[in-house]
Amino acid sequence: MSIIKQTIYLARKTKEKDLEKKLYTLKNLLLDMKGCIYFEVYKSDDCDDEFLIYEEWDSEELYTSSLSSEAHITFQKYCDSLVLKKHKLPVL
């Protein structure tokens, strides 16, 4: 059974464009990974600094293994300098 993960990222002041670029890079890399069914980046209509990540994976195990991929590791290197707040929504 597949799982759906949703995460909201709030960018630091003046870092919105940088975060958006990094999220789209992450998307492009993860879509090629085994087990990634869907990955999309949505920008808030109301706030330029808020992004919703919606991802679907074949299983929790494949999602967990993706967290140690080079794509995620590279994204995490920049995350602290770009992200003010990160909120994970309940797993569906």
Protein backbone atom coordinates (compact mmCIF):
# COMPACT_ATOMS: atom_id res chain seq x y z
CA MET A 1 0.00 0.00 0.00
CA SER A 2 1.36 3.41 -0.91
CA ILE A 3 1.85 6.26 1.55
CA ILE A 4 1.40 9.98 1.09
CA LYS A 5 3.63 12.53 2.80
CA GLN A 6 2.88 16.25 2.95
CA THR A 7 5.26 18.87 4.27
CA ILE A 8 4.90 22.63 4.50
CA TYR A 9 8.05 24.73 4.25
CA LEU A 10 8.16 28.38 5.23
CA ALA A 11 11.17 30.13 3.67
CA ARG A 12 13.40 32.55 5.53
CA LYS A 13 13.03 36.19 4.55
CA THR A 14 14.48 36.83 1.06
CA LYS A 15 15.20 33.09 0.56
CA GLU A 16 11.93 32.18 -1.19
CA LYS A 17 13.39 31.82 -4.68
CA ASP A 18 16.40 29.84 -3.44
CA LEU A 19 14.17 27.43 -1.54
CA GLU A 20 11.86 27.06 -4.52
CA LYS A 21 14.81 26.15 -6.77
CA LYS A 22 16.11 23.59 -4.27
CA LEU A 23 12.66 22.01 -3.88
CA TYR A 24 12.26 21.65 -7.66
CA THR A 25 15.74 20.15 -7.91
CA LEU A 26 14.80 17.68 -5.18
CA LYS A 27 11.58 16.88 -7.03
CA ASN A 28 13.37 16.13 -10.29
CA LEU A 29 15.86 13.83 -8.58
CA LEU A 30 13.33 11.94 -6.45
CA LEU A 31 10.90 11.29 -9.29
CA ASP A 32 13.61 9.09 -10.83
CA MET A 33 13.98 7.01 -7.66
CA LYS A 34 12.49 3.58 -7.23
CA GLY A 35 9.27 3.79 -5.28
CA CYS A 36 8.48 7.46 -5.89
CA ILE A 37 5.05 7.55 -7.48
CA TYR A 38 4.43 11.29 -7.28
CA PHE A 39 6.24 14.37 -6.01
CA GLU A 40 4.99 17.91 -6.48
CA VAL A 41 5.88 21.34 -5.18
CA TYR A 42 3.01 23.77 -4.66
CA LYS A 43 3.58 27.44 -3.92
CA SER A 44 0.99 29.16 -1.76
CA ASP A 45 -1.32 31.59 -3.53
CA ASP A 46 -1.39 33.77 -0.41
CA CYS A 47 2.23 33.68 0.78
CA ASP A 48 5.26 33.83 -1.50
CA ASP A 49 7.38 32.18 1.18
CA GLU A 50 5.23 29.08 1.77
CA PHE A 51 5.51 25.79 -0.13
CA LEU A 52 3.63 22.51 0.16
CA ILE A 53 5.40 19.30 -0.82
CA TYR A 54 3.08 16.44 -1.71
CA GLU A 55 4.71 13.07 -2.29
CA GLU A 56 3.48 9.54 -2.73
CA TRP A 57 5.67 6.47 -2.27
CA ASP A 58 5.09 2.76 -2.89
CA SER A 59 5.90 2.02 0.77
CA GLU A 60 7.16 3.53 4.00
CA GLU A 61 10.41 1.57 3.56
CA LEU A 62 11.11 3.09 0.14
CA TYR A 63 10.34 6.56 1.46
CA THR A 64 12.66 6.01 4.44
CA SER A 65 15.46 4.77 2.21
CA SER A 66 15.07 7.86 0.00
CA LEU A 67 15.97 10.02 3.01
CA SER A 68 19.55 8.72 2.83
CA SER A 69 19.81 9.38 -0.91
CA GLU A 70 22.23 11.95 -2.26
CA ALA A 71 19.25 14.10 -3.34
CA HIS A 72 17.92 14.40 0.22
CA ILE A 73 21.36 14.78 1.78
CA THR A 74 22.19 17.64 -0.60
CA PHE A 75 18.84 19.33 0.08
CA GLN A 76 19.38 19.05 3.85
CA LYS A 77 22.72 20.86 3.56
CA TYR A 78 20.86 23.98 2.43
CA CYS A 79 17.67 23.49 4.40
CA ASP A 80 18.67 25.30 7.62
CA SER A 81 19.80 28.41 5.77
CA LEU A 82 16.66 28.53 3.60
CA VAL A 83 13.86 27.23 5.82
CA LEU A 84 12.41 29.16 8.74
CA LYS A 85 9.82 26.53 9.63
CA LYS A 86 8.98 23.00 8.50
CA HIS A 87 5.71 21.30 9.34
CA LYS A 88 4.92 17.66 8.49
CA LEU A 89 1.25 16.94 8.05
CA PRO A 90 -0.18 13.57 9.19
CA VAL A 91 0.64 10.61 6.94
CA LEU A 92 -2.19 9.51 4.68
